[in-house]
Amino acid sequence: MKKYAILHTLGCRLNSADSALLVDRLEKAGYSVVQSVDSVDLVVVNSCTVTAEAARKSRQAVRKFRASYPGALIVVTGCSAELDRDAYLKDGAASVVLSNPEKRGISELILDYLAGRHELGGKAASLNEPVQAFHEEAISRFPFRSRAFLKIQEGCNNFCSYCIVPYARGPERSRSFDEVLADCRQAVAAGYPELVLTGVNTCAYFDAGRDLGALVREVCRIDGNFRVRLSSTEPHPHNIGLLEVMASEPKVCRFLHLALQNGCNRILKAMNRHYRREDYAEFARIAREKIPGIHLGSDLILGFPGETEEDFADGLAFVEQMAFANLHIFTYSPRSGTPAASLPGRIPPEVAKLRYRKLKEVAEASRRKFVESQLGQVLPVIFETVGRDGLARGWSDNYLAVRVPAGSVELGTIVDIAATPENLGGAEELHE
């Protein structure tokens, strides 16, 4: 009798990459992974806990699945499962709660549960993981996606004062160089036109003397018509070599998401970010010089405890100077377990809303300027979907939304498109 499983993913691209590995493990255990079905045997919730709200939504999802599938085995894993395990057990909606390291043994742990061993999970924590190259011993499968999110790295050593991720993901460590390449090869063979290399801090990748640049070069040697996109990176001087690789490899997307977090040096220091804005600006300058047309995107946190009007104005001026192609703006929210959660000087909500509007105006003006700079350029685009309006929609290598009549292009391949005001959209957030 066929067994069905639903895999529900919350949070970041690394969680998407982890879920792709979970699909392989579940299929090997005899489950058919589906998006929805009247009755399922197993539900796996790959949770997020980057903010208190993300943790709340993860627990809410588990309760919803329990109500929808009362007879199913419900497994919770991911970052929220690791840090909020007791809350899930208290809720009673989850059958098994597994930490991030325990995801690799999910098939065996499910069998143990079904055999009557119900005291499972919580025996391995990310913070205790050895700092060495690791193997997933699974391949990434993407039954419902048009691009491949491939895990190359895990953990973070930065310990930014607002961030819970190092506690949920543990120390920096890298996936085996050869295993990453094997995963990339199978994704290309499966026909995925874009490979997204992801991790908590992809720039920390290092295995047996080979860094991220070396890995990217080797991935680009794989035969096939595909491109490589890098997930979030850091503006560290050691990463200048990565820019050289990006500039010399045509398969690498002209895209960098460099998390700034704040444009004021005083706030960057309070955040325990390991650079000054002058360092950031220099890295961005070199990137734009070496890679014409590169999309530079970033994250920004406003309303950090103690952020004065002068700090905000100082940071806003820097953000405007940087002319980002895309900016994700977040209002600071305290995450218990982080140093910043106990800091004084919380910003009133009405002040935070005003600052958000000001930043949003600057971000939108910068986005429009980048879009306009690409008019007349020939952009390599992968079209993924067709809307009810008969337009095919896709993304250029430098992360611009493009739309053309559906009959004029083939989906799922790289197509060169001349950018015009009619077909060039904005740098909206990818929904995958």
Protein backbone atom coordinates (compact mmCIF):
# COMPACT_ATOMS: atom_id res chain seq x y z
CA MET A 1 0.00 0.00 0.00
CA LYS A 2 1.38 3.39 -1.01
CA LYS A 3 2.38 5.76 1.80
CA TYR A 4 1.94 9.52 1.37
CA ALA A 5 3.84 12.33 3.05
CA ILE A 6 3.53 16.11 3.09
CA LEU A 7 6.68 18.17 3.62
CA HIS A 8 5.95 21.72 4.77
CA THR A 9 8.86 24.19 4.74
CA LEU A 10 9.05 27.51 6.54
CA GLY A 11 11.82 30.09 6.55
CA CYS A 12 15.00 30.52 4.57
CA ARG A 13 16.53 29.08 1.43
CA LEU A 14 18.72 26.81 3.51
CA ASN A 15 15.54 25.26 4.91
CA SER A 16 14.40 24.73 1.31
CA ALA A 17 17.70 23.00 0.58
CA ASP A 18 17.32 20.86 3.72
CA SER A 19 13.81 19.92 2.63
CA ALA A 20 15.12 18.84 -0.78
CA LEU A 21 17.40 16.39 1.05
CA LEU A 22 14.48 15.26 3.22
CA VAL A 23 12.49 14.40 0.08
CA ASP A 24 15.21 11.94 -0.92
CA ARG A 25 15.27 10.35 2.54
CA LEU A 26 11.50 10.01 2.69
CA GLU A 27 11.29 8.53 -0.79
CA LYS A 28 13.94 5.97 0.14
CA ALA A 29 11.78 5.11 3.17
CA GLY A 30 8.86 4.34 0.85
CA TYR A 31 6.89 7.59 1.07
CA SER A 32 5.50 9.48 -1.91
CA VAL A 33 5.89 13.19 -1.16
CA VAL A 34 2.80 15.15 -2.25
CA GLN A 35 1.61 18.73 -1.89
CA SER A 36 -1.87 17.82 -0.71
CA VAL A 37 -4.04 14.74 -0.47
CA ASP A 38 -7.18 13.69 1.40
CA SER A 39 -5.29 11.34 3.70
CA VAL A 40 -1.58 11.22 4.53
CA ASP A 41 0.52 8.90 6.65
CA LEU A 42 3.23 11.41 7.49
CA VAL A 43 3.62 15.18 7.79
CA VAL A 44 7.08 16.72 8.22
CA VAL A 45 7.24 20.38 9.23
CA ASN A 46 10.67 21.91 8.60
CA SER A 47 10.38 24.84 10.98
CA CYS A 48 11.89 28.31 11.39
CA THR A 49 12.73 30.29 14.52
CA VAL A 50 14.66 33.31 13.24
CA THR A 51 12.08 35.54 14.93
CA ALA A 52 9.51 34.92 17.64
CA GLU A 53 6.84 35.32 14.97
CA ALA A 54 8.48 32.66 12.78
CA ALA A 55 8.52 30.24 15.73
CA ARG A 56 4.85 31.01 16.41
CA LYS A 57 3.91 30.34 12.78
CA SER A 58 5.83 27.05 12.89
CA ARG A 59 3.88 25.85 15.93
CA GLN A 60 0.66 27.08 14.33
CA ALA A 61 1.42 25.03 11.20
CA VAL A 62 1.92 21.88 13.28
CA ARG A 63 -1.42 22.37 15.05
CA LYS A 64 -3.14 22.98 11.71
CA PHE A 65 -1.75 19.76 10.24
CA ARG A 66 -2.81 17.83 13.34
CA ALA A 67 -6.36 19.11 12.92
CA SER A 68 -6.37 18.28 9.20
CA TYR A 69 -4.73 14.84 9.53
CA PRO A 70 -5.52 13.53 13.04
CA GLY A 71 -4.25 10.04 12.26
CA ALA A 72 -0.94 11.07 10.68
CA LEU A 73 2.51 10.81 12.17
CA ILE A 74 3.67 14.43 12.51
CA VAL A 75 7.40 15.11 12.69
CA VAL A 76 8.74 18.58 13.47
CA THR A 77 12.33 19.41 12.62
CA GLY A 78 14.37 22.47 11.76
CA CYS A 79 15.50 25.42 13.83
CA SER A 80 12.34 25.95 15.85
CA ALA A 81 12.23 22.26 16.71
CA GLU A 82 15.76 22.50 18.04
CA LEU A 83 15.29 25.58 20.23
CA ASP A 84 11.60 25.28 21.10
CA ARG A 85 11.33 21.51 21.55
CA ASP A 86 9.54 21.70 24.89
CA ALA A 87 6.85 23.97 23.44
CA TYR A 88 6.05 21.42 20.72
CA LEU A 89 5.93 18.57 23.22
CA LYS A 90 3.65 20.61 25.48
CA ASP A 91 1.29 21.38 22.58
CA GLY A 92 0.89 17.67 21.94
CA ALA A 93 0.29 18.14 18.20
CA ALA A 94 3.67 16.73 17.15
CA SER A 95 4.48 13.03 17.34
CA VAL A 96 8.27 13.45 17.09
CA VAL A 97 10.50 16.52 17.46
CA LEU A 98 13.92 16.30 15.81
CA SER A 99 16.85 18.73 15.94
CA ASN A 100 18.65 19.85 12.78
CA PRO A 101 21.37 17.15 13.03
CA GLU A 102 18.71 14.48 13.59
CA LYS A 103 17.11 15.27 10.22
CA ARG A 104 19.71 13.07 8.56
CA GLY A 105 18.37 10.04 10.40
CA ILE A 106 14.69 10.83 9.93
CA SER A 107 13.89 7.56 8.13
CA GLU A 108 15.28 5.38 10.90
CA LEU A 109 13.70 7.52 13.62
CA ILE A 110 10.29 7.23 11.98
CA LEU A 111 10.64 3.45 11.96
CA ASP A 112 11.64 3.54 15.63
CA TYR A 113 8.53 5.55 16.45
CA LEU A 114 6.26 3.20 14.54
CA ALA A 115 7.88 0.29 16.39
CA GLY A 116 6.80 1.78 19.70
CA ARG A 117 9.83 3.88 20.68
CA HIS A 118 8.22 7.23 21.40
CA GLU A 119 10.97 8.96 23.38
CA LEU A 120 12.80 10.27 20.34
CA GLY A 121 14.62 13.49 19.47
CA GLY A 122 16.60 15.99 21.45
CA LYS A 123 19.67 13.77 21.68
CA ALA A 124 21.78 15.74 19.16
CA ALA A 125 22.17 19.52 19.11
CA SER A 126 23.67 21.74 16.42
CA LEU A 127 25.95 23.48 18.93
CA ASN A 128 27.63 20.13 19.59
CA GLU A 129 28.31 19.32 15.95
CA PRO A 130 32.00 18.78 15.10
CA VAL A 131 33.69 21.49 13.05
CA GLN A 132 34.60 19.38 10.05
CA ALA A 133 33.37 18.62 6.56
CA PHE A 134 30.08 16.75 6.71
CA HIS A 135 28.16 14.41 4.43
CA GLU A 136 24.40 14.50 3.96
CA GLU A 137 24.34 11.05 2.35
CA ALA A 138 21.33 12.11 0.32
CA ILE A 139 20.71 13.92 -2.94
CA SER A 140 18.52 16.97 -3.36
CA ARG A 141 15.13 16.41 -4.94
CA PHE A 142 12.71 19.17 -5.94
CA PRO A 143 9.35 17.72 -6.96
CA PHE A 144 7.52 21.06 -6.89
CA ARG A 145 10.23 23.59 -7.79
CA SER A 146 11.75 25.03 -10.93
CA ARG A 147 15.20 25.72 -9.49
CA ALA A 148 17.55 23.67 -7.33
CA PHE A 149 18.47 24.92 -3.84
CA LEU A 150 21.64 23.04 -2.91
CA LYS A 151 23.10 22.97 0.58
CA ILE A 152 26.84 23.59 0.73
CA GLN A 153 27.41 24.95 4.24
CA GLU A 154 25.98 24.91 7.74
CA GLY A 155 26.31 27.03 10.90
CA CYS A 156 27.62 30.49 11.76
CA ASN A 157 30.37 31.85 14.01
CA ASN A 158 29.39 35.52 13.84
CA PHE A 159 26.96 35.67 16.78
CA CYS A 160 25.33 38.94 15.80
CA SER A 161 23.67 40.27 18.92
CA TYR A 162 20.13 40.07 17.47
CA CYS A 163 20.40 36.65 15.83
CA ILE A 164 19.39 33.23 17.17
CA VAL A 165 20.66 31.28 14.14
CA PRO A 166 24.13 30.32 15.53
CA TYR A 167 22.39 28.64 18.47
CA ALA A 168 20.01 26.76 16.16
CA ARG A 169 22.53 25.84 13.46
CA GLY A 170 25.78 25.49 15.40
CA PRO A 171 29.36 26.31 14.34
CA GLU A 172 30.45 26.91 10.76
CA ARG A 173 31.13 23.72 8.85
CA SER A 174 31.05 22.77 5.19
CA ARG A 175 29.55 19.97 3.18
CA SER A 176 31.98 17.64 1.47
CA PHE A 177 33.34 19.21 -1.74
CA ASP A 178 32.81 16.00 -3.71
CA GLU A 179 29.29 15.48 -2.36
CA VAL A 180 28.29 19.03 -3.32
CA LEU A 181 29.58 18.46 -6.85
CA ALA A 182 27.69 15.17 -7.09
CA ASP A 183 24.51 16.92 -5.96
CA CYS A 184 25.05 19.67 -8.53
CA ARG A 185 25.63 17.13 -11.31
CA GLN A 186 22.41 15.28 -10.55
CA ALA A 187 20.46 18.56 -10.47
CA VAL A 188 21.84 19.53 -13.90
CA ALA A 189 21.10 16.03 -15.23
CA ALA A 190 17.54 16.38 -13.90
CA GLY A 191 17.14 19.48 -16.06
CA TYR A 192 17.26 22.30 -13.52
CA PRO A 193 18.49 25.44 -15.29
CA GLU A 194 19.54 27.25 -12.11
CA LEU A 195 21.52 25.98 -9.13
CA VAL A 196 21.31 28.10 -5.96
CA LEU A 197 24.22 27.38 -3.61
CA THR A 198 23.08 28.07 -0.09
CA GLY A 199 24.09 27.90 3.56
CA VAL A 200 23.92 30.02 6.69
CA ASN A 201 27.07 31.82 5.57
CA THR A 202 28.07 30.52 2.16
CA CYS A 203 31.30 32.53 2.14
CA ALA A 204 32.53 30.46 5.06
CA TYR A 205 32.67 27.40 2.78
CA PHE A 206 35.99 25.55 3.10
CA ASP A 207 36.86 21.90 2.59
CA ALA A 208 40.40 20.53 2.32
CA GLY A 209 41.93 23.82 1.20
CA ARG A 210 39.12 24.69 -1.23
CA ASP A 211 37.00 27.77 -0.60
CA LEU A 212 33.74 28.98 -2.12
CA GLY A 213 35.49 30.37 -5.17
CA ALA A 214 37.11 27.00 -5.87
CA LEU A 215 33.77 25.26 -5.44
CA VAL A 216 32.00 27.65 -7.79
CA ARG A 217 34.68 27.21 -10.45
CA GLU A 218 34.32 23.43 -10.28
CA VAL A 219 30.52 23.59 -10.43
CA CYS A 220 30.84 25.73 -13.56
CA ARG A 221 32.90 22.95 -15.18
CA ILE A 222 29.86 20.67 -15.19
CA ASP A 223 28.55 20.18 -18.73
CA GLY A 224 25.13 21.63 -19.43
CA ASN A 225 23.15 24.78 -20.06
CA PHE A 226 22.61 26.07 -16.54
CA ARG A 227 23.59 28.94 -14.30
CA VAL A 228 24.77 29.27 -10.70
CA ARG A 229 23.37 31.72 -8.17
CA LEU A 230 24.92 32.39 -4.78
CA SER A 231 22.80 32.78 -1.69
CA SER A 232 23.58 35.43 0.94
CA THR A 233 27.23 36.45 1.20
CA GLU A 234 29.29 38.67 3.50
CA PRO A 235 31.29 41.82 2.58
CA HIS A 236 34.57 40.48 3.94
CA PRO A 237 37.94 41.38 2.35
CA HIS A 238 38.73 37.66 2.10
CA ASN A 239 35.85 37.36 -0.35
CA ILE A 240 37.40 39.63 -2.97
CA GLY A 241 38.69 36.47 -4.66
CA LEU A 242 35.10 35.32 -5.03
CA LEU A 243 34.39 38.43 -7.10
CA GLU A 244 37.24 37.43 -9.44
CA VAL A 245 35.60 34.03 -9.93
CA MET A 246 32.19 35.58 -10.56
CA ALA A 247 33.65 37.97 -13.12
CA SER A 248 35.43 35.19 -15.03
CA GLU A 249 32.72 32.50 -15.05
CA PRO A 250 29.83 33.16 -17.47
CA LYS A 251 27.60 30.61 -15.72
CA VAL A 252 27.60 32.59 -12.46
CA CYS A 253 24.69 34.99 -12.03
CA ARG A 254 25.50 38.67 -11.67
CA PHE A 255 23.93 38.75 -8.26
CA LEU A 256 25.09 39.29 -4.70
CA HIS A 257 22.93 39.56 -1.63
CA LEU A 258 25.20 41.33 0.85
CA ALA A 259 23.52 41.67 4.23
CA LEU A 260 24.28 45.20 5.49
CA GLN A 261 21.75 45.21 8.39
CA ASN A 262 22.36 48.87 9.22
CA GLY A 263 24.02 51.89 7.63
CA CYS A 264 25.27 53.43 10.89
CA ASN A 265 28.61 52.31 12.30
CA ARG A 266 27.50 52.77 15.89
CA ILE A 267 24.55 50.43 15.37
CA LEU A 268 26.67 47.94 13.40
CA LYS A 269 28.97 47.71 16.40
CA ALA A 270 26.03 47.19 18.76
CA MET A 271 24.80 44.46 16.43
CA ASN A 272 28.23 42.79 16.59
CA ARG A 273 28.55 42.94 12.83
CA HIS A 274 32.21 42.41 11.89
CA TYR A 275 32.74 45.31 9.49
CA ARG A 276 32.28 49.06 9.18
CA ARG A 277 30.14 50.62 6.51
CA GLU A 278 33.30 51.91 4.80
CA ASP A 279 34.41 48.27 4.36
CA TYR A 280 31.00 47.40 2.97
CA ALA A 281 31.05 50.28 0.50
CA GLU A 282 34.51 49.31 -0.75
CA PHE A 283 33.47 45.71 -1.30
CA ALA A 284 30.38 46.85 -3.20
CA ARG A 285 32.50 49.24 -5.31
CA ILE A 286 34.86 46.44 -6.34
CA ALA A 287 31.92 44.14 -7.13
CA ARG A 288 30.33 46.72 -9.42
CA GLU A 289 33.66 47.48 -11.06
CA LYS A 290 34.45 43.83 -11.81
CA ILE A 291 30.92 42.70 -12.70
CA PRO A 292 29.01 45.27 -14.78
CA GLY A 293 25.25 45.05 -14.33
CA ILE A 294 25.53 43.16 -11.04
CA HIS A 295 22.48 43.18 -8.81
CA LEU A 296 23.46 44.17 -5.28
CA GLY A 297 20.71 43.42 -2.79
CA SER A 298 20.74 43.61 0.98
CA ASP A 299 18.87 43.20 4.27
CA LEU A 300 18.33 46.08 6.66
CA ILE A 301 17.09 46.10 10.25
CA LEU A 302 15.58 49.33 11.51
CA GLY A 303 14.66 50.24 15.05
CA PHE A 304 17.48 48.35 16.76
CA PRO A 305 17.49 49.15 20.51
CA GLY A 306 19.14 52.52 21.10
CA GLU A 307 18.89 53.69 17.48
CA THR A 308 18.54 57.48 17.72
CA GLU A 309 17.14 59.83 15.10
CA GLU A 310 20.72 60.80 14.28
CA ASP A 311 21.71 57.15 13.87
CA PHE A 312 18.76 56.53 11.58
CA ALA A 313 19.43 59.62 9.46
CA ASP A 314 23.10 58.64 9.19
CA GLY A 315 22.22 55.12 8.12
CA LEU A 316 19.52 56.27 5.71
CA ALA A 317 21.99 58.54 3.91
CA PHE A 318 24.40 55.61 3.52
CA VAL A 319 21.68 53.32 2.19
CA GLU A 320 20.71 55.96 -0.36
CA GLN A 321 24.36 56.28 -1.39
CA MET A 322 24.64 52.52 -1.91
CA ALA A 323 21.85 52.50 -4.53
CA PHE A 324 20.79 48.93 -3.83
CA ALA A 325 18.93 47.06 -6.56
CA ASN A 326 16.82 45.34 -3.93
CA LEU A 327 16.42 45.88 -0.21
CA HIS A 328 14.61 43.72 2.35
CA ILE A 329 13.63 45.92 5.27
CA PHE A 330 12.82 44.46 8.68
CA THR A 331 11.67 46.19 11.82
CA TYR A 332 13.66 44.89 14.77
CA SER A 333 11.81 42.44 16.96
CA PRO A 334 13.44 40.90 20.04
CA ARG A 335 14.28 37.19 19.90
CA SER A 336 14.61 35.61 23.33
CA GLY A 337 17.97 33.97 23.83
CA THR A 338 19.92 36.71 22.05
CA PRO A 339 21.93 39.49 23.75
CA ALA A 340 19.95 42.25 22.00
CA ALA A 341 16.67 41.06 23.52
CA SER A 342 17.66 42.55 26.89
CA LEU A 343 19.01 45.85 25.57
CA PRO A 344 17.33 49.08 26.71
CA GLY A 345 16.12 51.80 24.35
CA ARG A 346 13.37 49.93 22.50
CA ILE A 347 12.01 52.04 19.63
CA PRO A 348 8.28 52.94 19.84
CA PRO A 349 6.17 51.26 17.11
CA GLU A 350 4.97 54.56 15.65
CA VAL A 351 8.59 55.74 15.25
CA ALA A 352 9.57 52.45 13.66
CA LYS A 353 6.68 52.73 11.16
CA LEU A 354 7.78 56.21 10.13
CA ARG A 355 11.37 55.06 9.64
CA TYR A 356 10.16 52.07 7.65
CA ARG A 357 8.26 54.34 5.24
CA LYS A 358 11.33 56.52 4.72
CA LEU A 359 13.54 53.53 4.02
CA LYS A 360 10.94 52.02 1.70
CA GLU A 361 10.88 55.22 -0.38
CA VAL A 362 14.66 55.16 -0.75
CA ALA A 363 14.63 51.44 -1.57
CA GLU A 364 11.97 51.85 -4.24
CA ALA A 365 13.81 54.74 -5.88
CA SER A 366 17.02 52.69 -5.94
CA ARG A 367 15.19 49.70 -7.40
CA ARG A 368 13.70 51.77 -10.21
CA LYS A 369 17.10 53.25 -11.00
CA PHE A 370 18.63 49.78 -11.33
CA VAL A 371 15.78 48.57 -13.55
CA GLU A 372 16.20 51.62 -15.79
CA SER A 373 19.96 51.00 -16.03
CA GLN A 374 19.26 47.65 -17.66
CA LEU A 375 16.98 48.91 -20.43
CA GLY A 376 18.47 48.07 -23.79
CA GLN A 377 20.66 45.32 -22.34
CA VAL A 378 20.37 41.68 -23.43
CA LEU A 379 19.54 39.64 -20.34
CA PRO A 380 19.73 35.85 -19.93
CA VAL A 381 16.32 34.90 -18.52
CA ILE A 382 14.77 31.67 -17.25
CA PHE A 383 11.00 31.73 -17.71
CA GLU A 384 9.18 29.63 -15.14
CA THR A 385 5.43 30.27 -15.17
CA VAL A 386 2.59 31.44 -17.41
CA GLY A 387 -0.06 33.69 -15.93
CA ARG A 388 -3.73 33.98 -16.76
CA ASP A 389 -2.84 37.05 -18.79
CA GLY A 390 -0.93 34.85 -21.24
CA LEU A 391 2.46 36.20 -20.21
CA ALA A 392 5.43 34.02 -19.36
CA ARG A 393 7.30 35.25 -16.28
CA GLY A 394 10.89 34.65 -15.39
CA TRP A 395 14.06 36.03 -13.85
CA SER A 396 17.22 37.37 -15.39
CA ASP A 397 20.63 36.38 -14.09
CA ASN A 398 20.79 39.76 -12.34
CA TYR A 399 17.48 39.17 -10.61
CA LEU A 400 15.04 41.23 -12.61
CA ALA A 401 11.50 40.07 -13.28
CA VAL A 402 10.84 39.74 -17.02
CA ARG A 403 7.53 39.04 -18.77
CA VAL A 404 6.89 38.23 -22.44
CA PRO A 405 4.08 36.56 -24.44
CA ALA A 406 4.02 32.89 -23.47
CA GLY A 407 4.25 31.52 -27.00
CA SER A 408 7.49 33.35 -27.70
CA VAL A 409 9.74 31.50 -25.25
CA GLU A 410 10.35 28.03 -23.87
CA LEU A 411 9.95 27.56 -20.14
CA GLY A 412 12.80 26.21 -18.02
CA THR A 413 15.66 27.19 -20.31
CA ILE A 414 17.99 30.19 -20.47
CA VAL A 415 16.76 32.63 -23.12
CA ASP A 416 18.41 35.91 -24.15
CA ILE A 417 15.91 38.77 -23.97
CA ALA A 418 16.40 42.44 -24.92
CA ALA A 419 15.19 44.46 -21.93
CA THR A 420 12.47 46.99 -22.73
CA PRO A 421 10.08 49.06 -20.57
CA GLU A 422 7.31 46.66 -21.65
CA ASN A 423 8.94 43.41 -20.56
CA LEU A 424 11.14 44.45 -17.65
CA GLY A 425 9.55 44.19 -14.25
CA GLY A 426 10.89 44.92 -10.80
CA ALA A 427 13.29 43.06 -8.54
CA GLU A 428 10.51 41.56 -6.47
CA GLU A 429 11.13 38.84 -3.95
CA LEU A 430 11.37 35.32 -5.39
CA HIS A 431 8.51 33.24 -4.02
CA GLU A 432 10.30 29.92 -4.21
